[in-house]
Amino acid sequence: MLELHEITAGYDRRAPVLRGVSLHVAEGESVGLLGPSGCGKSTLARVAALLHRPYAGSVRLGGEPVRGWRHRAPRAQRTRVGVVFQQPRGAADPRLQLADLIAEPLRATGSPAAEVPGRVGELAESVGLGGDLLTRRPHEVSDGQLQRACLARALVLRPRLLICDEMTAMLDASTTAALVTVVETYRTETGAALLTVGHDRTLLGRWCDRTVEQGELAGAAAG
C-alpha cells in the first residue's frame, strides 16, 4: 500500500530532519511509528500523506509511484490517503461549522451535493457527534469534539490508507479509546491500512500489528 524508500526530507536542505529513511506498510496492515518529540516522525507522516515533498527518495502508493505533492498530486492518489493531525485547531478552518468541516473533501472532489448530508451524518454518528454539535464552529467545541470531526473528515472519502499523526496525544483516555475504536471499525469494514505516529509505546503496541522505532529506519536524524 505505502512504500517510502530512502527518504531524505526536512525544511532546510543543509540540515534535513530525515536521511535515507525507508518504511513499508502493506495492504490492510497497521503500523505504529514510535519515537520522541523532534525525531522527524511528523515529517515522515507528511511525506506519506503527500503533503511534503522530500529532497530525495521515492514514494509509492498502491503500487504506483507518487509524482506530485499537495494539490499537484493526482486526485486518485490524494483521495486514497486520509490524515488526522495532533493539533485539531491547527487543522480546522475556524469559520466552518463541524458539518462543513467534515464535508470539505466531498465538496473539493465534486461529490454530488445530494449525497453530502447523508455521508456527513453517517460519519458524525460513527465518531459520536450528535445533537447540535454539527452546527457549531471549532471555538465552540472541545478539543476532543473537534478531533472527532477531523477524524470524520479524514474518513469521508473512504481512504485506503489512514495516517494518524499523534491523533490522541491531546485527548483524555475515554476519547482516545473511542477514536481508536472508530478507526479499527473502519479498517475492519474496508480493509484499509494504517500508519499511526506516537510516543506511547503501550498504545501503539495494543493498536498496531507491528511497531517500528524512528531510529531504526535506516538513519533518521533528529531535528
N, C-alpha and C. Protein backbone atom coordinates (compact mmCIF):
# COMPACT_ATOMS: atom_id res chain seq x y z
N MET A 1 0.83 -1.21 0.00
CA MET A 1 0.00 0.00 0.00
C MET A 1 0.87 1.26 0.00
N LEU A 2 1.81 1.34 0.97
CA LEU A 2 2.69 2.51 1.07
C LEU A 2 4.13 2.05 1.14
N GLU A 3 4.96 2.61 0.26
CA GLU A 3 6.39 2.32 0.26
C GLU A 3 7.17 3.64 0.25
N LEU A 4 7.90 3.87 1.32
CA LEU A 4 8.80 5.01 1.41
C LEU A 4 10.22 4.47 1.30
N HIS A 5 10.96 4.94 0.30
CA HIS A 5 12.29 4.38 0.06
C HIS A 5 13.35 5.47 0.08
N GLU A 6 14.28 5.34 1.02
CA GLU A 6 15.43 6.23 1.11
C GLU A 6 15.02 7.71 1.13
N ILE A 7 14.07 8.03 1.99
CA ILE A 7 13.55 9.40 2.05
C ILE A 7 14.49 10.31 2.83
N THR A 8 14.86 11.40 2.19
CA THR A 8 15.56 12.50 2.85
C THR A 8 14.65 13.71 2.74
N ALA A 9 14.32 14.31 3.89
CA ALA A 9 13.34 15.39 3.89
C ALA A 9 13.56 16.31 5.07
N GLY A 10 13.00 17.49 4.97
CA GLY A 10 13.07 18.46 6.06
C GLY A 10 12.63 19.81 5.58
N TYR A 11 13.14 20.85 6.21
CA TYR A 11 12.70 22.21 5.91
C TYR A 11 13.89 23.12 5.61
N ASP A 12 15.08 22.52 5.57
CA ASP A 12 16.31 23.21 5.23
C ASP A 12 17.25 22.16 4.63
N ARG A 13 17.57 22.30 3.37
CA ARG A 13 18.39 21.28 2.70
C ARG A 13 19.74 21.06 3.39
N ARG A 14 20.22 22.08 4.08
CA ARG A 14 21.53 21.95 4.74
C ARG A 14 21.44 21.09 6.00
N ALA A 15 20.22 20.92 6.55
CA ALA A 15 20.07 20.14 7.78
C ALA A 15 18.76 19.36 7.72
N PRO A 16 18.69 18.31 6.90
CA PRO A 16 17.46 17.54 6.79
C PRO A 16 17.05 16.91 8.12
N VAL A 17 15.75 16.80 8.31
CA VAL A 17 15.22 16.13 9.50
C VAL A 17 15.36 14.62 9.37
N LEU A 18 15.21 14.12 8.14
CA LEU A 18 15.29 12.69 7.85
C LEU A 18 16.34 12.44 6.79
N ARG A 19 17.11 11.37 6.96
CA ARG A 19 18.12 11.00 5.97
C ARG A 19 17.99 9.52 5.65
N GLY A 20 17.69 9.19 4.41
CA GLY A 20 17.69 7.81 3.95
C GLY A 20 16.73 6.89 4.67
N VAL A 21 15.51 7.38 4.99
CA VAL A 21 14.55 6.60 5.76
C VAL A 21 13.65 5.78 4.84
N SER A 22 13.46 4.51 5.18
CA SER A 22 12.58 3.63 4.40
C SER A 22 11.55 2.99 5.33
N LEU A 23 10.33 2.86 4.82
CA LEU A 23 9.24 2.28 5.59
C LEU A 23 8.22 1.68 4.63
N HIS A 24 7.67 0.53 5.01
CA HIS A 24 6.66 -0.15 4.17
C HIS A 24 5.44 -0.47 5.02
N VAL A 25 4.27 -0.16 4.49
CA VAL A 25 3.00 -0.52 5.12
C VAL A 25 2.21 -1.33 4.09
N ALA A 26 1.94 -2.59 4.42
CA ALA A 26 1.25 -3.47 3.48
C ALA A 26 -0.24 -3.18 3.45
N GLU A 27 -0.90 -3.65 2.41
CA GLU A 27 -2.35 -3.52 2.30
C GLU A 27 -3.02 -4.11 3.55
N GLY A 28 -3.85 -3.33 4.21
CA GLY A 28 -4.58 -3.80 5.37
C GLY A 28 -3.80 -3.86 6.67
N GLU A 29 -2.51 -3.52 6.64
CA GLU A 29 -1.66 -3.61 7.83
C GLU A 29 -1.76 -2.34 8.66
N SER A 30 -1.58 -2.48 9.98
CA SER A 30 -1.47 -1.32 10.85
C SER A 30 -0.06 -1.26 11.41
N VAL A 31 0.61 -0.15 11.20
CA VAL A 31 2.00 0.04 11.61
C VAL A 31 2.08 1.25 12.53
N GLY A 32 2.73 1.08 13.68
CA GLY A 32 2.98 2.17 14.59
C GLY A 32 4.39 2.69 14.41
N LEU A 33 4.54 4.01 14.34
CA LEU A 33 5.85 4.64 14.23
C LEU A 33 6.12 5.35 15.55
N LEU A 34 7.09 4.84 16.30
CA LEU A 34 7.37 5.28 17.66
C LEU A 34 8.63 6.11 17.71
N GLY A 35 8.60 7.16 18.52
CA GLY A 35 9.80 7.96 18.70
C GLY A 35 9.52 9.19 19.52
N PRO A 36 10.55 9.80 20.10
CA PRO A 36 10.36 11.01 20.92
C PRO A 36 10.06 12.22 20.06
N SER A 37 9.61 13.28 20.71
CA SER A 37 9.35 14.53 20.00
C SER A 37 10.63 15.03 19.33
N GLY A 38 10.48 15.55 18.11
CA GLY A 38 11.62 16.13 17.41
C GLY A 38 12.44 15.17 16.59
N CYS A 39 12.03 13.90 16.50
CA CYS A 39 12.86 12.93 15.78
C CYS A 39 12.48 12.82 14.31
N GLY A 40 11.47 13.54 13.86
CA GLY A 40 11.10 13.52 12.45
C GLY A 40 9.89 12.69 12.10
N LYS A 41 9.17 12.17 13.10
CA LYS A 41 8.00 11.33 12.83
C LYS A 41 6.95 12.07 12.01
N SER A 42 6.66 13.29 12.42
CA SER A 42 5.61 14.04 11.74
C SER A 42 6.02 14.42 10.32
N THR A 43 7.29 14.70 10.12
CA THR A 43 7.76 14.99 8.76
C THR A 43 7.57 13.78 7.87
N LEU A 44 7.90 12.60 8.39
CA LEU A 44 7.72 11.38 7.60
C LEU A 44 6.23 11.14 7.32
N ALA A 45 5.39 11.42 8.30
CA ALA A 45 3.94 11.26 8.11
C ALA A 45 3.44 12.20 7.03
N ARG A 46 3.94 13.42 6.99
CA ARG A 46 3.52 14.38 5.97
C ARG A 46 3.99 13.97 4.59
N VAL A 47 5.17 13.38 4.51
CA VAL A 47 5.63 12.84 3.21
C VAL A 47 4.70 11.72 2.76
N ALA A 48 4.37 10.82 3.70
CA ALA A 48 3.50 9.70 3.38
C ALA A 48 2.11 10.15 2.96
N ALA A 49 1.64 11.27 3.53
CA ALA A 49 0.32 11.80 3.22
C ALA A 49 0.31 12.68 1.97
N LEU A 50 1.45 12.75 1.28
CA LEU A 50 1.60 13.55 0.05
C LEU A 50 1.47 15.05 0.32
N LEU A 51 1.83 15.46 1.53
CA LEU A 51 1.74 16.86 1.91
C LEU A 51 3.09 17.55 1.97
N HIS A 52 4.18 16.80 1.86
CA HIS A 52 5.52 17.39 1.96
C HIS A 52 6.44 16.67 0.98
N ARG A 53 7.02 17.40 0.06
CA ARG A 53 7.90 16.81 -0.95
C ARG A 53 9.28 16.54 -0.34
N PRO A 54 9.78 15.31 -0.44
CA PRO A 54 11.12 15.03 0.09
C PRO A 54 12.20 15.57 -0.85
N TYR A 55 13.39 15.77 -0.30
CA TYR A 55 14.53 16.19 -1.12
C TYR A 55 15.02 15.04 -1.99
N ALA A 56 14.92 13.83 -1.45
CA ALA A 56 15.40 12.66 -2.19
C ALA A 56 14.60 11.44 -1.74
N GLY A 57 14.65 10.39 -2.57
CA GLY A 57 13.93 9.17 -2.26
C GLY A 57 12.66 9.07 -3.08
N SER A 58 11.93 7.98 -2.90
CA SER A 58 10.72 7.75 -3.67
C SER A 58 9.59 7.27 -2.78
N VAL A 59 8.37 7.54 -3.23
CA VAL A 59 7.16 7.12 -2.54
C VAL A 59 6.28 6.39 -3.54
N ARG A 60 5.78 5.23 -3.13
CA ARG A 60 4.81 4.50 -3.94
C ARG A 60 3.55 4.31 -3.11
N LEU A 61 2.43 4.49 -3.74
CA LEU A 61 1.14 4.37 -3.08
C LEU A 61 0.26 3.44 -3.92
N GLY A 62 -0.15 2.33 -3.30
CA GLY A 62 -0.95 1.37 -4.05
C GLY A 62 -0.21 0.79 -5.24
N GLY A 63 1.11 0.68 -5.11
CA GLY A 63 1.93 0.13 -6.18
C GLY A 63 2.32 1.11 -7.26
N GLU A 64 1.86 2.35 -7.19
CA GLU A 64 2.15 3.35 -8.21
C GLU A 64 3.06 4.44 -7.65
N PRO A 65 4.01 4.92 -8.45
CA PRO A 65 4.89 5.98 -7.95
C PRO A 65 4.13 7.30 -7.75
N VAL A 66 4.48 8.00 -6.68
CA VAL A 66 3.92 9.32 -6.43
C VAL A 66 4.78 10.34 -7.16
N ARG A 67 4.13 11.19 -7.96
CA ARG A 67 4.87 12.16 -8.76
C ARG A 67 4.49 13.61 -8.46
N GLY A 68 3.53 13.78 -7.56
CA GLY A 68 3.12 15.14 -7.21
C GLY A 68 2.77 15.22 -5.74
N TRP A 69 2.79 16.45 -5.22
CA TRP A 69 2.57 16.67 -3.79
C TRP A 69 1.54 17.76 -3.59
N ARG A 70 0.82 17.65 -2.49
CA ARG A 70 -0.26 18.57 -2.17
C ARG A 70 -1.23 18.65 -3.35
N HIS A 71 -1.58 19.86 -3.80
CA HIS A 71 -2.59 19.98 -4.85
C HIS A 71 -2.11 19.47 -6.20
N ARG A 72 -0.81 19.26 -6.35
CA ARG A 72 -0.28 18.74 -7.61
C ARG A 72 -0.34 17.21 -7.70
N ALA A 73 -0.61 16.56 -6.59
CA ALA A 73 -0.76 15.10 -6.63
C ALA A 73 -2.04 14.75 -7.37
N PRO A 74 -2.03 13.70 -8.17
CA PRO A 74 -3.24 13.29 -8.87
C PRO A 74 -4.37 13.02 -7.87
N ARG A 75 -5.58 13.40 -8.24
CA ARG A 75 -6.71 13.24 -7.33
C ARG A 75 -6.86 11.80 -6.88
N ALA A 76 -6.65 10.85 -7.78
CA ALA A 76 -6.82 9.44 -7.43
C ALA A 76 -5.87 9.03 -6.31
N GLN A 77 -4.68 9.64 -6.25
CA GLN A 77 -3.74 9.34 -5.17
C GLN A 77 -4.07 10.12 -3.91
N ARG A 78 -4.42 11.40 -4.05
CA ARG A 78 -4.75 12.21 -2.88
C ARG A 78 -5.91 11.61 -2.09
N THR A 79 -6.90 11.11 -2.80
CA THR A 79 -8.09 10.62 -2.12
C THR A 79 -7.91 9.22 -1.55
N ARG A 80 -6.79 8.58 -1.83
CA ARG A 80 -6.53 7.27 -1.23
C ARG A 80 -5.99 7.39 0.18
N VAL A 81 -5.62 8.60 0.58
CA VAL A 81 -5.00 8.82 1.89
C VAL A 81 -5.86 9.77 2.72
N GLY A 82 -6.14 9.38 3.96
CA GLY A 82 -6.77 10.26 4.93
C GLY A 82 -5.78 10.52 6.05
N VAL A 83 -5.78 11.74 6.58
CA VAL A 83 -4.79 12.06 7.62
C VAL A 83 -5.46 12.84 8.75
N VAL A 84 -5.06 12.50 9.98
CA VAL A 84 -5.52 13.21 11.18
C VAL A 84 -4.28 13.70 11.92
N PHE A 85 -4.24 14.99 12.23
CA PHE A 85 -3.08 15.58 12.87
C PHE A 85 -3.27 15.67 14.39
N GLN A 86 -2.18 15.95 15.08
CA GLN A 86 -2.21 16.05 16.54
C GLN A 86 -3.03 17.25 17.00
N GLN A 87 -2.88 18.37 16.32
CA GLN A 87 -3.50 19.63 16.75
C GLN A 87 -4.75 19.90 15.92
N PRO A 88 -5.93 19.54 16.39
CA PRO A 88 -7.13 19.73 15.56
C PRO A 88 -7.41 21.19 15.25
N ARG A 89 -7.05 22.09 16.16
CA ARG A 89 -7.36 23.51 15.92
C ARG A 89 -6.49 24.09 14.81
N GLY A 90 -5.30 23.54 14.64
CA GLY A 90 -4.47 23.99 13.55
C GLY A 90 -4.87 23.39 12.21
N ALA A 91 -5.67 22.32 12.25
CA ALA A 91 -6.06 21.63 11.03
C ALA A 91 -7.48 21.95 10.59
N ALA A 92 -8.19 22.79 11.35
CA ALA A 92 -9.59 23.08 11.07
C ALA A 92 -9.78 24.56 10.75
N ASP A 93 -10.55 24.84 9.71
CA ASP A 93 -10.89 26.21 9.36
C ASP A 93 -11.84 26.75 10.44
N PRO A 94 -11.45 27.78 11.18
CA PRO A 94 -12.28 28.26 12.29
C PRO A 94 -13.62 28.85 11.85
N ARG A 95 -13.77 29.12 10.56
CA ARG A 95 -15.02 29.72 10.06
C ARG A 95 -16.10 28.69 9.79
N LEU A 96 -15.72 27.41 9.72
CA LEU A 96 -16.65 26.38 9.29
C LEU A 96 -17.38 25.74 10.46
N GLN A 97 -18.66 25.46 10.29
CA GLN A 97 -19.35 24.58 11.21
C GLN A 97 -18.81 23.17 11.04
N LEU A 98 -18.95 22.34 12.08
CA LEU A 98 -18.37 21.00 12.01
C LEU A 98 -18.92 20.19 10.84
N ALA A 99 -20.17 20.36 10.50
CA ALA A 99 -20.74 19.64 9.36
C ALA A 99 -20.01 20.01 8.07
N ASP A 100 -19.71 21.29 7.90
CA ASP A 100 -19.00 21.72 6.69
C ASP A 100 -17.54 21.30 6.73
N LEU A 101 -16.95 21.23 7.93
CA LEU A 101 -15.59 20.74 8.07
C LEU A 101 -15.49 19.29 7.58
N ILE A 102 -16.42 18.45 8.01
CA ILE A 102 -16.43 17.05 7.60
C ILE A 102 -16.66 16.94 6.09
N ALA A 103 -17.49 17.82 5.56
CA ALA A 103 -17.87 17.74 4.14
C ALA A 103 -16.82 18.32 3.19
N GLU A 104 -15.81 19.02 3.72
CA GLU A 104 -14.81 19.69 2.87
C GLU A 104 -14.28 18.80 1.75
N PRO A 105 -13.76 17.59 2.04
CA PRO A 105 -13.20 16.78 0.96
C PRO A 105 -14.23 16.37 -0.09
N LEU A 106 -15.47 16.14 0.33
CA LEU A 106 -16.52 15.78 -0.62
C LEU A 106 -16.75 16.91 -1.61
N ARG A 107 -16.85 18.10 -1.10
CA ARG A 107 -17.09 19.25 -1.98
C ARG A 107 -15.88 19.56 -2.85
N ALA A 108 -14.68 19.38 -2.29
CA ALA A 108 -13.47 19.65 -3.05
C ALA A 108 -13.29 18.70 -4.22
N THR A 109 -13.82 17.50 -4.09
CA THR A 109 -13.68 16.50 -5.16
C THR A 109 -14.93 16.39 -6.02
N GLY A 110 -15.88 17.30 -5.83
CA GLY A 110 -17.03 17.36 -6.70
C GLY A 110 -18.08 16.29 -6.47
N SER A 111 -18.20 15.79 -5.27
CA SER A 111 -19.24 14.80 -4.97
C SER A 111 -20.62 15.43 -5.17
N PRO A 112 -21.60 14.66 -5.65
CA PRO A 112 -22.95 15.21 -5.83
C PRO A 112 -23.48 15.82 -4.54
N ALA A 113 -24.02 17.02 -4.64
CA ALA A 113 -24.49 17.75 -3.45
C ALA A 113 -25.52 16.95 -2.67
N ALA A 114 -26.33 16.18 -3.37
CA ALA A 114 -27.40 15.43 -2.70
C ALA A 114 -26.85 14.33 -1.80
N GLU A 115 -25.61 13.89 -2.07
CA GLU A 115 -25.04 12.80 -1.28
C GLU A 115 -24.31 13.28 -0.04
N VAL A 116 -23.99 14.57 0.01
CA VAL A 116 -23.14 15.10 1.09
C VAL A 116 -23.80 14.99 2.47
N PRO A 117 -25.04 15.44 2.65
CA PRO A 117 -25.62 15.38 4.01
C PRO A 117 -25.69 13.96 4.58
N GLY A 118 -26.02 12.99 3.74
CA GLY A 118 -26.11 11.62 4.23
C GLY A 118 -24.77 11.08 4.68
N ARG A 119 -23.73 11.34 3.88
CA ARG A 119 -22.39 10.86 4.24
C ARG A 119 -21.89 11.57 5.50
N VAL A 120 -22.12 12.87 5.60
CA VAL A 120 -21.70 13.62 6.79
C VAL A 120 -22.42 13.10 8.02
N GLY A 121 -23.72 12.88 7.91
CA GLY A 121 -24.49 12.38 9.05
C GLY A 121 -24.04 11.00 9.48
N GLU A 122 -23.75 10.15 8.52
CA GLU A 122 -23.28 8.79 8.82
C GLU A 122 -21.98 8.82 9.61
N LEU A 123 -21.05 9.64 9.17
CA LEU A 123 -19.75 9.70 9.84
C LEU A 123 -19.84 10.42 11.18
N ALA A 124 -20.65 11.47 11.24
CA ALA A 124 -20.82 12.17 12.51
C ALA A 124 -21.33 11.21 13.58
N GLU A 125 -22.28 10.38 13.22
CA GLU A 125 -22.80 9.40 14.17
C GLU A 125 -21.72 8.41 14.58
N SER A 126 -20.91 7.98 13.62
CA SER A 126 -19.89 6.97 13.92
C SER A 126 -18.83 7.49 14.88
N VAL A 127 -18.53 8.80 14.82
CA VAL A 127 -17.49 9.36 15.70
C VAL A 127 -18.07 9.96 16.98
N GLY A 128 -19.40 9.91 17.13
CA GLY A 128 -20.02 10.38 18.36
C GLY A 128 -20.34 11.85 18.40
N LEU A 129 -20.64 12.45 17.25
CA LEU A 129 -21.04 13.85 17.21
C LEU A 129 -22.54 13.92 16.94
N GLY A 130 -23.29 14.20 17.96
CA GLY A 130 -24.73 14.27 17.81
C GLY A 130 -25.29 15.61 18.25
N GLY A 131 -26.61 15.69 18.30
CA GLY A 131 -27.27 16.91 18.75
C GLY A 131 -26.94 18.09 17.86
N ASP A 132 -26.65 19.23 18.49
CA ASP A 132 -26.39 20.44 17.71
C ASP A 132 -24.89 20.66 17.45
N LEU A 133 -24.07 19.67 17.77
CA LEU A 133 -22.63 19.86 17.62
C LEU A 133 -22.22 20.17 16.19
N LEU A 134 -22.91 19.58 15.22
CA LEU A 134 -22.53 19.79 13.83
C LEU A 134 -22.76 21.23 13.37
N THR A 135 -23.57 21.98 14.09
CA THR A 135 -23.81 23.38 13.71
C THR A 135 -22.85 24.33 14.41
N ARG A 136 -21.99 23.80 15.26
CA ARG A 136 -21.04 24.65 15.98
C ARG A 136 -19.74 24.80 15.21
N ARG A 137 -19.02 25.87 15.53
CA ARG A 137 -17.71 26.12 14.93
C ARG A 137 -16.62 25.66 15.91
N PRO A 138 -15.38 25.52 15.42
CA PRO A 138 -14.32 24.97 16.27
C PRO A 138 -14.19 25.63 17.64
N HIS A 139 -14.33 26.94 17.73
CA HIS A 139 -14.15 27.59 19.02
C HIS A 139 -15.28 27.30 20.00
N GLU A 140 -16.34 26.67 19.51
CA GLU A 140 -17.50 26.37 20.35
C GLU A 140 -17.51 24.93 20.85
N VAL A 141 -16.48 24.16 20.53
CA VAL A 141 -16.42 22.76 20.96
C VAL A 141 -15.08 22.47 21.63
N SER A 142 -15.01 21.34 22.31
CA SER A 142 -13.77 20.93 22.98
C SER A 142 -12.77 20.37 21.98
N ASP A 143 -11.52 20.20 22.43
CA ASP A 143 -10.51 19.58 21.56
C ASP A 143 -10.94 18.18 21.14
N GLY A 144 -11.51 17.43 22.08
CA GLY A 144 -11.94 16.07 21.75
C GLY A 144 -13.04 16.04 20.72
N GLN A 145 -14.01 16.94 20.84
CA GLN A 145 -15.10 17.00 19.86
C GLN A 145 -14.58 17.43 18.49
N LEU A 146 -13.65 18.38 18.48
CA LEU A 146 -13.09 18.83 17.21
C LEU A 146 -12.26 17.72 16.56
N GLN A 147 -11.52 16.96 17.37
CA GLN A 147 -10.74 15.87 16.81
C GLN A 147 -11.66 14.78 16.25
N ARG A 148 -12.81 14.57 16.85
CA ARG A 148 -13.79 13.63 16.29
C ARG A 148 -14.21 14.08 14.89
N ALA A 149 -14.45 15.38 14.74
CA ALA A 149 -14.83 15.91 13.43
C ALA A 149 -13.68 15.76 12.42
N CYS A 150 -12.45 15.98 12.88
CA CYS A 150 -11.30 15.84 11.99
C CYS A 150 -11.12 14.39 11.54
N LEU A 151 -11.38 13.44 12.43
CA LEU A 151 -11.32 12.04 12.05
C LEU A 151 -12.41 11.72 11.03
N ALA A 152 -13.61 12.22 11.27
CA ALA A 152 -14.70 12.00 10.30
C ALA A 152 -14.31 12.57 8.93
N ARG A 153 -13.71 13.75 8.92
CA ARG A 153 -13.26 14.35 7.66
C ARG A 153 -12.23 13.47 6.96
N ALA A 154 -11.32 12.89 7.74
CA ALA A 154 -10.29 12.03 7.15
C ALA A 154 -10.87 10.78 6.52
N LEU A 155 -12.01 10.32 7.03
CA LEU A 155 -12.62 9.08 6.54
C LEU A 155 -13.67 9.31 5.46
N VAL A 156 -14.04 10.56 5.22
CA VAL A 156 -15.23 10.82 4.41
C VAL A 156 -15.10 10.34 2.97
N LEU A 157 -13.88 10.29 2.43
CA LEU A 157 -13.68 9.81 1.06
C LEU A 157 -13.31 8.34 0.99
N ARG A 158 -13.46 7.65 2.11
CA ARG A 158 -13.18 6.21 2.19
C ARG A 158 -11.75 5.89 1.75
N PRO A 159 -10.75 6.44 2.44
CA PRO A 159 -9.35 6.23 2.05
C PRO A 159 -8.91 4.79 2.25
N ARG A 160 -7.92 4.39 1.46
CA ARG A 160 -7.34 3.06 1.59
C ARG A 160 -6.18 3.07 2.59
N LEU A 161 -5.68 4.24 2.93
CA LEU A 161 -4.62 4.39 3.92
C LEU A 161 -4.99 5.55 4.84
N LEU A 162 -4.98 5.29 6.13
CA LEU A 162 -5.24 6.33 7.12
C LEU A 162 -3.95 6.60 7.88
N ILE A 163 -3.57 7.87 7.98
CA ILE A 163 -2.38 8.28 8.72
C ILE A 163 -2.82 9.10 9.92
N CYS A 164 -2.47 8.64 11.11
CA CYS A 164 -2.80 9.33 12.35
C CYS A 164 -1.52 9.84 12.99
N ASP A 165 -1.30 11.14 12.90
CA ASP A 165 -0.06 11.74 13.42
C ASP A 165 -0.30 12.22 14.85
N GLU A 166 -0.04 11.33 15.82
CA GLU A 166 -0.28 11.63 17.23
C GLU A 166 -1.71 12.12 17.46
N MET A 167 -2.65 11.46 16.82
CA MET A 167 -4.07 11.85 16.85
C MET A 167 -4.62 11.97 18.25
N THR A 168 -4.15 11.13 19.17
CA THR A 168 -4.73 11.09 20.51
C THR A 168 -3.88 11.78 21.56
N ALA A 169 -2.79 12.45 21.16
CA ALA A 169 -1.85 12.99 22.14
C ALA A 169 -2.47 14.03 23.07
N MET A 170 -3.49 14.76 22.61
CA MET A 170 -4.08 15.83 23.41
C MET A 170 -5.41 15.42 24.04
N LEU A 171 -5.75 14.13 23.96
CA LEU A 171 -7.07 13.69 24.37
C LEU A 171 -7.04 12.89 25.66
N ASP A 172 -8.18 12.84 26.37
CA ASP A 172 -8.26 12.03 27.56
C ASP A 172 -8.44 10.56 27.18
N ALA A 173 -8.36 9.69 28.18
CA ALA A 173 -8.36 8.25 27.92
C ALA A 173 -9.65 7.77 27.25
N SER A 174 -10.79 8.31 27.67
CA SER A 174 -12.05 7.84 27.11
C SER A 174 -12.21 8.25 25.65
N THR A 175 -11.80 9.49 25.32
CA THR A 175 -11.88 9.94 23.93
C THR A 175 -10.88 9.19 23.07
N THR A 176 -9.69 8.94 23.60
CA THR A 176 -8.70 8.14 22.88
C THR A 176 -9.27 6.78 22.53
N ALA A 177 -9.86 6.11 23.51
CA ALA A 177 -10.43 4.78 23.27
C ALA A 177 -11.53 4.83 22.22
N ALA A 178 -12.37 5.87 22.28
CA ALA A 178 -13.47 6.00 21.32
C ALA A 178 -12.95 6.18 19.90
N LEU A 179 -11.93 7.02 19.72
CA LEU A 179 -11.43 7.27 18.37
C LEU A 179 -10.66 6.07 17.82
N VAL A 180 -9.91 5.40 18.67
CA VAL A 180 -9.24 4.17 18.22
C VAL A 180 -10.28 3.14 17.77
N THR A 181 -11.38 3.04 18.49
CA THR A 181 -12.44 2.11 18.11
C THR A 181 -13.03 2.47 16.75
N VAL A 182 -13.23 3.77 16.50
CA VAL A 182 -13.76 4.21 15.20
C VAL A 182 -12.80 3.80 14.08
N VAL A 183 -11.51 4.04 14.29
CA VAL A 183 -10.52 3.68 13.28
C VAL A 183 -10.52 2.18 13.02
N GLU A 184 -10.54 1.39 14.07
CA GLU A 184 -10.48 -0.06 13.90
C GLU A 184 -11.76 -0.60 13.26
N THR A 185 -12.90 0.00 13.58
CA THR A 185 -14.15 -0.41 12.92
C THR A 185 -14.08 -0.11 11.43
N TYR A 186 -13.57 1.06 11.09
CA TYR A 186 -13.42 1.43 9.68
C TYR A 186 -12.48 0.46 8.97
N ARG A 187 -11.37 0.11 9.59
CA ARG A 187 -10.41 -0.79 8.97
C ARG A 187 -11.00 -2.19 8.80
N THR A 188 -11.75 -2.65 9.78
CA THR A 188 -12.39 -3.96 9.69
C THR A 188 -13.37 -4.00 8.52
N GLU A 189 -14.11 -2.93 8.35
CA GLU A 189 -15.13 -2.88 7.29
C GLU A 189 -14.55 -2.69 5.90
N THR A 190 -13.39 -2.03 5.80
CA THR A 190 -12.87 -1.65 4.48
C THR A 190 -11.56 -2.32 4.11
N GLY A 191 -10.82 -2.86 5.11
CA GLY A 191 -9.50 -3.41 4.83
C GLY A 191 -8.42 -2.37 4.63
N ALA A 192 -8.68 -1.14 5.08
CA ALA A 192 -7.71 -0.06 4.91
C ALA A 192 -6.47 -0.29 5.78
N ALA A 193 -5.37 0.27 5.31
CA ALA A 193 -4.11 0.23 6.07
C ALA A 193 -4.03 1.44 6.99
N LEU A 194 -3.15 1.33 8.00
CA LEU A 194 -3.00 2.39 8.99
C LEU A 194 -1.52 2.62 9.29
N LEU A 195 -1.13 3.89 9.27
CA LEU A 195 0.17 4.32 9.80
C LEU A 195 -0.13 5.30 10.92
N THR A 196 0.20 4.92 12.15
CA THR A 196 -0.08 5.81 13.28
C THR A 196 1.22 6.18 13.98
N VAL A 197 1.39 7.46 14.22
CA VAL A 197 2.61 8.02 14.78
C VAL A 197 2.37 8.38 16.24
N GLY A 198 3.33 8.06 17.11
CA GLY A 198 3.15 8.42 18.51
C GLY A 198 4.38 8.15 19.34
N HIS A 199 4.27 8.47 20.63
CA HIS A 199 5.36 8.20 21.56
C HIS A 199 4.91 7.32 22.72
N ASP A 200 3.66 6.84 22.64
CA ASP A 200 3.11 5.96 23.67
C ASP A 200 3.29 4.51 23.23
N ARG A 201 4.33 3.88 23.72
CA ARG A 201 4.66 2.52 23.30
C ARG A 201 3.53 1.54 23.60
N THR A 202 2.88 1.71 24.76
CA THR A 202 1.81 0.80 25.15
C THR A 202 0.63 0.90 24.20
N LEU A 203 0.21 2.13 23.88
CA LEU A 203 -0.92 2.32 22.97
C LEU A 203 -0.61 1.75 21.60
N LEU A 204 0.57 2.05 21.06
CA LEU A 204 0.91 1.54 19.73
C LEU A 204 1.02 0.02 19.73
N GLY A 205 1.54 -0.53 20.81
CA GLY A 205 1.66 -1.98 20.90
C GLY A 205 0.33 -2.69 20.89
N ARG A 206 -0.67 -2.07 21.53
CA ARG A 206 -2.00 -2.67 21.56
C ARG A 206 -2.76 -2.44 20.27
N TRP A 207 -2.50 -1.31 19.62
CA TRP A 207 -3.28 -0.88 18.47
C TRP A 207 -2.78 -1.51 17.16
N CYS A 208 -1.47 -1.68 17.02
CA CYS A 208 -0.89 -1.97 15.71
C CYS A 208 -0.41 -3.41 15.56
N ASP A 209 -0.34 -3.85 14.32
CA ASP A 209 0.20 -5.17 14.01
C ASP A 209 1.68 -5.23 14.34
N ARG A 210 2.38 -4.14 14.10
CA ARG A 210 3.80 -4.05 14.45
C ARG A 210 4.15 -2.59 14.70
N THR A 211 5.20 -2.41 15.48
CA THR A 211 5.66 -1.06 15.81
C THR A 211 7.13 -0.96 15.43
N VAL A 212 7.50 0.14 14.79
CA VAL A 212 8.90 0.39 14.45
C VAL A 212 9.32 1.70 15.10
N GLU A 213 10.58 1.78 15.47
CA GLU A 213 11.10 3.00 16.08
C GLU A 213 11.77 3.84 15.01
N GLN A 214 11.56 5.15 15.10
CA GLN A 214 12.09 6.05 14.09
C GLN A 214 13.59 5.84 13.87
N GLY A 215 14.32 5.63 14.95
CA GLY A 215 15.76 5.45 14.82
C GLY A 215 16.19 4.19 14.09
N GLU A 216 15.26 3.26 13.88
CA GLU A 216 15.56 2.02 13.19
C GLU A 216 15.41 2.13 11.68
N LEU A 217 14.89 3.26 11.21
CA LEU A 217 14.52 3.37 9.79
C LEU A 217 15.69 3.89 8.95
N ALA A 218 16.79 3.24 9.04
CA ALA A 218 17.94 3.48 8.16
C ALA A 218 18.50 4.89 8.24
N GLY A 219 18.47 5.48 9.45
CA GLY A 219 19.21 6.73 9.58
C GLY A 219 18.39 7.97 9.78
N ALA A 220 17.37 7.97 10.61
CA ALA A 220 16.65 9.20 10.90
C ALA A 220 17.55 10.15 11.67
N ALA A 221 17.47 11.42 11.33
CA ALA A 221 18.27 12.42 12.02
C ALA A 221 17.37 13.26 12.89
N ALA A 222 17.79 13.49 14.13
CA ALA A 222 16.98 14.35 15.00
C ALA A 222 16.91 15.75 14.42
N GLY A 223 15.73 16.37 14.62
CA GLY A 223 15.58 17.72 14.11
C GLY A 223 14.27 18.30 14.54
